[in-house]
N, C-alpha and C. Protein backbone atom coordinates (compact mmCIF):
# COMPACT_ATOMS: atom_id res chain seq x y z
N MET A 1 158.46 163.64 261.75
CA MET A 1 158.83 165.00 261.41
C MET A 1 157.65 165.71 260.76
N LEU A 2 157.64 167.00 261.00
CA LEU A 2 156.58 167.82 260.42
C LEU A 2 156.98 168.30 259.03
N LYS A 3 156.04 168.21 258.13
CA LYS A 3 156.29 168.72 256.77
C LYS A 3 155.88 170.18 256.70
N LYS A 4 156.70 170.94 256.02
CA LYS A 4 156.36 172.35 255.82
C LYS A 4 155.41 172.45 254.63
N ARG A 5 154.33 173.17 254.83
CA ARG A 5 153.38 173.36 253.75
C ARG A 5 153.75 174.60 252.96
N ARG A 6 153.76 174.46 251.69
CA ARG A 6 154.03 175.61 250.85
C ARG A 6 152.70 176.21 250.41
N SER A 7 152.53 177.47 250.70
CA SER A 7 151.29 178.11 250.29
C SER A 7 151.47 178.67 248.89
N PHE A 8 150.47 178.45 248.07
CA PHE A 8 150.50 178.94 246.69
C PHE A 8 149.90 180.33 246.63
N ARG A 9 150.68 181.27 246.18
CA ARG A 9 150.20 182.63 246.02
C ARG A 9 149.94 182.89 244.55
N ARG A 10 148.78 183.39 244.27
CA ARG A 10 148.44 183.69 242.89
C ARG A 10 149.19 184.94 242.45
N GLN A 11 149.81 184.88 241.29
CA GLN A 11 150.57 186.02 240.78
C GLN A 11 149.62 187.13 240.38
N LYS A 12 149.96 188.33 240.80
CA LYS A 12 149.12 189.48 240.47
C LYS A 12 149.35 189.87 239.02
N VAL A 13 148.32 190.36 238.39
CA VAL A 13 148.43 190.77 237.00
C VAL A 13 148.22 192.28 236.91
N CYS A 14 148.84 192.86 235.92
CA CYS A 14 148.73 194.30 235.71
C CYS A 14 147.33 194.61 235.16
N LYS A 15 146.61 195.49 235.83
CA LYS A 15 145.25 195.83 235.40
C LYS A 15 145.26 196.57 234.07
N TYR A 16 146.32 197.30 233.82
CA TYR A 16 146.41 198.04 232.57
C TYR A 16 146.72 197.12 231.40
N CYS A 17 147.52 196.10 231.62
CA CYS A 17 147.82 195.13 230.55
C CYS A 17 146.59 194.28 230.24
N VAL A 18 145.83 193.93 231.26
CA VAL A 18 144.63 193.13 231.06
C VAL A 18 143.60 193.91 230.24
N ASP A 19 143.45 195.21 230.54
CA ASP A 19 142.49 196.05 229.82
C ASP A 19 143.07 196.60 228.51
N LYS A 20 144.33 196.25 228.21
CA LYS A 20 145.04 196.68 227.01
C LYS A 20 145.06 198.20 226.86
N ILE A 21 145.43 198.88 227.96
CA ILE A 21 145.57 200.32 227.97
C ILE A 21 147.05 200.64 227.76
N ASP A 22 147.35 201.42 226.71
CA ASP A 22 148.74 201.73 226.39
C ASP A 22 149.28 202.86 227.26
N ALA A 23 148.55 203.96 227.32
CA ALA A 23 149.02 205.13 228.07
C ALA A 23 148.04 205.43 229.21
N ILE A 24 148.60 205.79 230.35
CA ILE A 24 147.78 206.10 231.51
C ILE A 24 147.53 207.60 231.52
N ASP A 25 146.25 207.97 231.62
CA ASP A 25 145.86 209.38 231.57
C ASP A 25 145.76 209.94 232.99
N PHE A 26 146.36 211.09 233.24
CA PHE A 26 146.33 211.68 234.57
C PHE A 26 144.98 212.28 234.91
N LYS A 27 144.10 212.40 233.92
CA LYS A 27 142.76 212.93 234.18
C LYS A 27 141.77 211.86 234.61
N ASP A 28 142.17 210.60 234.53
CA ASP A 28 141.31 209.48 234.93
C ASP A 28 141.47 209.24 236.44
N ILE A 29 140.83 210.09 237.23
CA ILE A 29 141.01 210.10 238.68
C ILE A 29 140.46 208.83 239.33
N LYS A 30 139.36 208.31 238.83
CA LYS A 30 138.75 207.11 239.44
C LYS A 30 139.72 205.93 239.41
N ARG A 31 140.41 205.76 238.30
CA ARG A 31 141.36 204.65 238.18
C ARG A 31 142.62 204.91 239.01
N LEU A 32 143.06 206.16 239.06
CA LEU A 32 144.28 206.49 239.81
C LEU A 32 144.10 206.33 241.32
N ARG A 33 142.89 206.57 241.81
CA ARG A 33 142.64 206.47 243.26
C ARG A 33 142.83 205.05 243.79
N ASN A 34 142.70 204.06 242.92
CA ASN A 34 142.90 202.67 243.34
C ASN A 34 144.35 202.38 243.68
N PHE A 35 145.26 203.21 243.21
CA PHE A 35 146.69 202.98 243.41
C PHE A 35 147.30 203.96 244.40
N ILE A 36 146.46 204.58 245.22
CA ILE A 36 146.93 205.50 246.26
C ILE A 36 146.43 204.98 247.60
N SER A 37 147.31 204.95 248.61
CA SER A 37 146.92 204.47 249.93
C SER A 37 146.04 205.51 250.63
N ASP A 38 145.51 205.13 251.78
CA ASP A 38 144.66 206.06 252.53
C ASP A 38 145.45 207.25 253.06
N ARG A 39 146.77 207.10 253.13
CA ARG A 39 147.64 208.21 253.55
C ARG A 39 148.02 209.12 252.39
N GLY A 40 147.71 208.70 251.17
CA GLY A 40 148.03 209.50 250.00
C GLY A 40 149.30 209.08 249.29
N LYS A 41 149.88 207.96 249.69
CA LYS A 41 151.12 207.49 249.07
C LYS A 41 150.80 206.58 247.87
N ILE A 42 151.73 206.54 246.93
CA ILE A 42 151.59 205.67 245.75
C ILE A 42 151.89 204.24 246.18
N ILE A 43 150.99 203.32 245.86
CA ILE A 43 151.16 201.92 246.24
C ILE A 43 152.26 201.30 245.38
N PRO A 44 153.21 200.57 246.00
CA PRO A 44 154.31 200.01 245.24
C PRO A 44 153.88 198.89 244.29
N ARG A 45 154.76 198.61 243.37
CA ARG A 45 154.47 197.64 242.30
C ARG A 45 154.24 196.23 242.83
N ARG A 46 154.99 195.81 243.84
CA ARG A 46 154.86 194.46 244.37
C ARG A 46 153.51 194.25 245.04
N ILE A 47 152.87 195.32 245.47
CA ILE A 47 151.55 195.21 246.10
C ILE A 47 150.44 195.40 245.06
N SER A 48 150.61 196.38 244.18
CA SER A 48 149.56 196.65 243.20
C SER A 48 149.50 195.61 242.09
N GLY A 49 150.65 195.00 241.77
CA GLY A 49 150.67 193.98 240.74
C GLY A 49 150.89 194.52 239.34
N ASN A 50 151.19 195.81 239.23
CA ASN A 50 151.42 196.40 237.91
C ASN A 50 152.76 195.96 237.34
N CYS A 51 152.85 195.99 236.01
CA CYS A 51 154.14 195.74 235.38
C CYS A 51 155.00 196.99 235.53
N ALA A 52 156.29 196.88 235.26
CA ALA A 52 157.22 197.99 235.48
C ALA A 52 156.87 199.21 234.62
N LEU A 53 156.53 198.96 233.37
CA LEU A 53 156.20 200.05 232.46
C LEU A 53 154.99 200.84 232.95
N HIS A 54 153.93 200.14 233.30
CA HIS A 54 152.72 200.83 233.74
C HIS A 54 152.88 201.44 235.13
N GLN A 55 153.71 200.86 235.98
CA GLN A 55 153.92 201.45 237.31
C GLN A 55 154.63 202.80 237.17
N ARG A 56 155.58 202.89 236.25
CA ARG A 56 156.27 204.17 236.03
C ARG A 56 155.31 205.21 235.45
N GLN A 57 154.48 204.78 234.49
CA GLN A 57 153.49 205.70 233.92
C GLN A 57 152.47 206.12 234.97
N LEU A 58 152.10 205.20 235.83
CA LEU A 58 151.13 205.47 236.89
C LEU A 58 151.67 206.51 237.87
N ALA A 59 152.93 206.35 238.28
CA ALA A 59 153.54 207.29 239.21
C ALA A 59 153.60 208.69 238.61
N THR A 60 153.96 208.77 237.33
CA THR A 60 154.01 210.06 236.65
C THR A 60 152.62 210.68 236.57
N ALA A 61 151.62 209.88 236.25
CA ALA A 61 150.24 210.38 236.15
C ALA A 61 149.73 210.86 237.50
N ILE A 62 150.05 210.15 238.56
CA ILE A 62 149.61 210.57 239.90
C ILE A 62 150.28 211.88 240.28
N ARG A 63 151.57 212.02 239.98
CA ARG A 63 152.28 213.27 240.29
C ARG A 63 151.71 214.45 239.50
N ARG A 64 151.36 214.20 238.25
CA ARG A 64 150.76 215.27 237.45
C ARG A 64 149.39 215.65 237.98
N ALA A 65 148.59 214.66 238.35
CA ALA A 65 147.26 214.94 238.89
C ALA A 65 147.35 215.69 240.22
N ARG A 66 148.37 215.39 241.01
CA ARG A 66 148.58 216.11 242.27
C ARG A 66 148.96 217.56 242.02
N SER A 67 149.81 217.78 241.01
CA SER A 67 150.30 219.14 240.77
C SER A 67 149.20 220.08 240.27
N ILE A 68 148.17 219.55 239.63
CA ILE A 68 147.05 220.40 239.20
C ILE A 68 145.85 220.24 240.13
N ALA A 69 146.09 219.70 241.32
CA ALA A 69 145.11 219.62 242.42
C ALA A 69 143.90 218.74 242.10
N MET A 70 144.11 217.69 241.31
CA MET A 70 143.04 216.72 241.09
C MET A 70 143.09 215.61 242.13
N LEU A 71 144.29 215.38 242.67
CA LEU A 71 144.50 214.40 243.74
C LEU A 71 145.21 215.09 244.90
N PRO A 72 144.96 214.66 246.13
CA PRO A 72 145.64 215.28 247.27
C PRO A 72 147.09 214.80 247.40
N PHE A 73 147.96 215.65 247.94
CA PHE A 73 149.32 215.27 248.20
C PHE A 73 149.40 214.36 249.42
N ALA A 74 148.58 214.65 250.43
CA ALA A 74 148.57 213.86 251.67
C ALA A 74 147.13 213.66 252.11
N ALA A 75 146.96 212.73 253.04
CA ALA A 75 145.62 212.46 253.56
C ALA A 75 145.16 213.58 254.47
N ASP A 76 143.88 213.78 254.52
CA ASP A 76 143.30 214.79 255.41
C ASP A 76 143.13 214.17 256.79
N LEU A 77 143.97 214.57 257.73
CA LEU A 77 143.98 213.97 259.05
C LEU A 77 143.24 214.80 260.10
N SER A 78 142.25 215.56 259.68
CA SER A 78 141.54 216.40 260.65
C SER A 78 140.37 215.69 261.29
């Protein structure tokens, strides 16, 4: 009989918890761009590895940055 191999996946860690950042600033565009897909969507928590608290703060910060035109709402498909 064939044995099934279990692959070990390393658990993702929250980048904000590692850097000990309490509040996410919407003006920090360089850091926010890492959590936006090429289509302009917010990357989900299970993919980004953020904790629940920071993922909620991140989503709010991205929405605020979009509303003042620091980040695009959608990708430029031209």
